[in-house]
Amino acid sequence: MNNIQTNNVLIAYTSTPEDHVSELCRDIYKYCGINFTYINDNPEYIGNDYADFSKKFYYNILLDDKAGFEGETDWLLVKNELIRVGEW
């Protein structure tokens, strides 16, 4: 068994209108077992001397159809990896 320490947060980066964000990201996804830490924000990483993330937040991995993410097949890969690292 690996003793991998993870410091992951799941952020919903959405263009959903603000009055529907809670319903979509907190209620519907939570019902499906997807719990977002933040929505359209990452207050854990403000920036440093070399980068300002006050208007564009920092992330390591982007899952988006415009970033080449294919939901029909890729969600299962994401789920399996989260199960593997104990985050699901």
C-alpha atoms as a PDB file:
ATOM      1  CA  MET A   1       0.000   0.000   0.000  1.00  0.00           C
ATOM      2  CA  ASN A   2       1.365   3.400  -0.987  1.00  0.00           C
ATOM      3  CA  ASN A   3       1.462   6.140   1.610  1.00  0.00           C
ATOM      4  CA  ILE A   4       0.776   8.858  -0.927  1.00  0.00           C
ATOM      5  CA  GLN A   5      -0.157  12.175   0.591  1.00  0.00           C
ATOM      6  CA  THR A   6      -2.515  14.189  -1.576  1.00  0.00           C
ATOM      7  CA  ASN A   7      -3.451  17.800  -1.298  1.00  0.00           C
ATOM      8  CA  ASN A   8      -6.110  17.931  -3.957  1.00  0.00           C
ATOM      9  CA  VAL A   9      -9.114  20.143  -4.276  1.00  0.00           C
ATOM     10  CA  LEU A  10     -11.829  19.764  -6.870  1.00  0.00           C
ATOM     11  CA  ILE A  11     -12.906  23.068  -8.384  1.00  0.00           C
ATOM     12  CA  ALA A  12     -15.902  23.561 -10.636  1.00  0.00           C
ATOM     13  CA  TYR A  13     -14.886  26.154 -13.181  1.00  0.00           C
ATOM     14  CA  THR A  14     -18.197  26.897 -14.811  1.00  0.00           C
ATOM     15  CA  SER A  15     -19.953  29.454 -16.933  1.00  0.00           C
ATOM     16  CA  THR A  16     -23.263  28.406 -15.376  1.00  0.00           C
ATOM     17  CA  PRO A  17     -25.316  31.482 -14.442  1.00  0.00           C
ATOM     18  CA  GLU A  18     -24.734  32.397 -10.791  1.00  0.00           C
ATOM     19  CA  ASP A  19     -28.343  31.714  -9.762  1.00  0.00           C
ATOM     20  CA  HIS A  20     -27.986  28.064 -10.917  1.00  0.00           C
ATOM     21  CA  VAL A  21     -24.448  27.343  -9.696  1.00  0.00           C
ATOM     22  CA  SER A  22     -25.525  26.069  -6.283  1.00  0.00           C
ATOM     23  CA  GLU A  23     -28.182  23.799  -7.740  1.00  0.00           C
ATOM     24  CA  LEU A  24     -25.834  22.355 -10.357  1.00  0.00           C
ATOM     25  CA  CYS A  25     -22.502  22.155  -8.565  1.00  0.00           C
ATOM     26  CA  ARG A  26     -23.578  21.482  -5.014  1.00  0.00           C
ATOM     27  CA  ASP A  27     -26.815  19.544  -5.348  1.00  0.00           C
ATOM     28  CA  ILE A  28     -26.800  17.604  -8.613  1.00  0.00           C
ATOM     29  CA  TYR A  29     -23.102  16.703  -8.642  1.00  0.00           C
ATOM     30  CA  LYS A  30     -23.108  15.906  -4.913  1.00  0.00           C
ATOM     31  CA  TYR A  31     -25.980  13.491  -5.547  1.00  0.00           C
ATOM     32  CA  CYS A  32     -23.670  11.761  -8.053  1.00  0.00           C
ATOM     33  CA  GLY A  33     -20.824  11.593  -5.502  1.00  0.00           C
ATOM     34  CA  ILE A  34     -18.880  14.565  -6.859  1.00  0.00           C
ATOM     35  CA  ASN A  35     -18.076  17.083  -4.127  1.00  0.00           C
ATOM     36  CA  PHE A  36     -16.483  20.331  -5.237  1.00  0.00           C
ATOM     37  CA  THR A  37     -14.222  22.138  -2.780  1.00  0.00           C
ATOM     38  CA  TYR A  38     -14.618  25.494  -4.537  1.00  0.00           C
ATOM     39  CA  ILE A  39     -16.653  26.930  -7.393  1.00  0.00           C
ATOM     40  CA  ASN A  40     -14.966  29.371  -9.795  1.00  0.00           C
ATOM     41  CA  ASP A  41     -12.316  30.153  -7.195  1.00  0.00           C
ATOM     42  CA  ASN A  42      -9.135  28.798  -5.589  1.00  0.00           C
ATOM     43  CA  PRO A  43      -8.464  30.820  -2.433  1.00  0.00           C
ATOM     44  CA  GLU A  44      -5.688  28.395  -1.435  1.00  0.00           C
ATOM     45  CA  TYR A  45      -3.304  29.792  -4.049  1.00  0.00           C
ATOM     46  CA  ILE A  46      -3.188  33.576  -4.342  1.00  0.00           C
ATOM     47  CA  GLY A  47       0.126  33.844  -6.188  1.00  0.00           C
ATOM     48  CA  ASN A  48       3.698  34.882  -5.577  1.00  0.00           C
ATOM     49  CA  ASP A  49       6.328  37.292  -6.913  1.00  0.00           C
ATOM     50  CA  TYR A  50       6.156  35.630 -10.341  1.00  0.00           C
ATOM     51  CA  ALA A  51       2.441  34.993 -10.776  1.00  0.00           C
ATOM     52  CA  ASP A  52      -0.757  36.852  -9.927  1.00  0.00           C
ATOM     53  CA  PHE A  53      -3.800  34.601  -9.603  1.00  0.00           C
ATOM     54  CA  SER A  54      -6.176  37.215  -8.212  1.00  0.00           C
ATOM     55  CA  LYS A  55      -8.214  37.235 -11.450  1.00  0.00           C
ATOM     56  CA  LYS A  56      -7.317  33.848 -12.970  1.00  0.00           C
ATOM     57  CA  PHE A  57      -7.047  31.055 -10.447  1.00  0.00           C
ATOM     58  CA  TYR A  58      -4.314  28.428 -10.363  1.00  0.00           C
ATOM     59  CA  TYR A  59      -4.927  24.779 -11.268  1.00  0.00           C
ATOM     60  CA  ASN A  60      -2.750  21.844 -12.248  1.00  0.00           C
ATOM     61  CA  ILE A  61      -5.210  19.838 -14.346  1.00  0.00           C
ATOM     62  CA  LEU A  62      -8.032  21.158 -16.510  1.00  0.00           C
ATOM     63  CA  LEU A  63     -10.861  18.841 -17.538  1.00  0.00           C
ATOM     64  CA  ASP A  64     -12.746  20.613 -20.277  1.00  0.00           C
ATOM     65  CA  ASP A  65     -14.006  19.679 -23.709  1.00  0.00           C
ATOM     66  CA  LYS A  66     -11.952  22.556 -25.078  1.00  0.00           C
ATOM     67  CA  ALA A  67      -8.864  21.094 -23.372  1.00  0.00           C
ATOM     68  CA  GLY A  68      -9.363  17.713 -25.047  1.00  0.00           C
ATOM     69  CA  PHE A  69     -11.436  16.129 -22.265  1.00  0.00           C
ATOM     70  CA  GLU A  70     -13.886  13.539 -23.612  1.00  0.00           C
ATOM     71  CA  GLY A  71     -16.563  13.063 -20.963  1.00  0.00           C
ATOM     72  CA  GLU A  72     -17.947   9.854 -22.449  1.00  0.00           C
ATOM     73  CA  THR A  73     -14.681   8.023 -21.770  1.00  0.00           C
ATOM     74  CA  ASP A  74     -12.499  10.203 -19.548  1.00  0.00           C
ATOM     75  CA  TRP A  75     -14.756  10.504 -16.474  1.00  0.00           C
ATOM     76  CA  LEU A  76     -14.213   6.795 -15.767  1.00  0.00           C
ATOM     77  CA  LEU A  77     -10.436   7.317 -15.885  1.00  0.00           C
ATOM     78  CA  VAL A  78     -10.737  10.222 -13.439  1.00  0.00           C
ATOM     79  CA  LYS A  79     -12.975   8.217 -11.113  1.00  0.00           C
ATOM     80  CA  ASN A  80     -10.620   5.228 -11.145  1.00  0.00           C
ATOM     81  CA  GLU A  81      -7.627   7.429 -10.310  1.00  0.00           C
ATOM     82  CA  LEU A  82      -9.481   9.119  -7.453  1.00  0.00           C
ATOM     83  CA  ILE A  83     -10.438   5.698  -6.094  1.00  0.00           C
ATOM     84  CA  ARG A  84      -6.813   4.585  -6.395  1.00  0.00           C
ATOM     85  CA  VAL A  85      -5.513   7.518  -4.332  1.00  0.00           C
ATOM     86  CA  GLY A  86      -8.344   7.278  -1.781  1.00  0.00           C
ATOM     87  CA  GLU A  87     -10.068  10.529  -2.718  1.00  0.00           C
ATOM     88  CA  TRP A  88     -13.366   9.062  -4.065  1.00  0.00           C
END
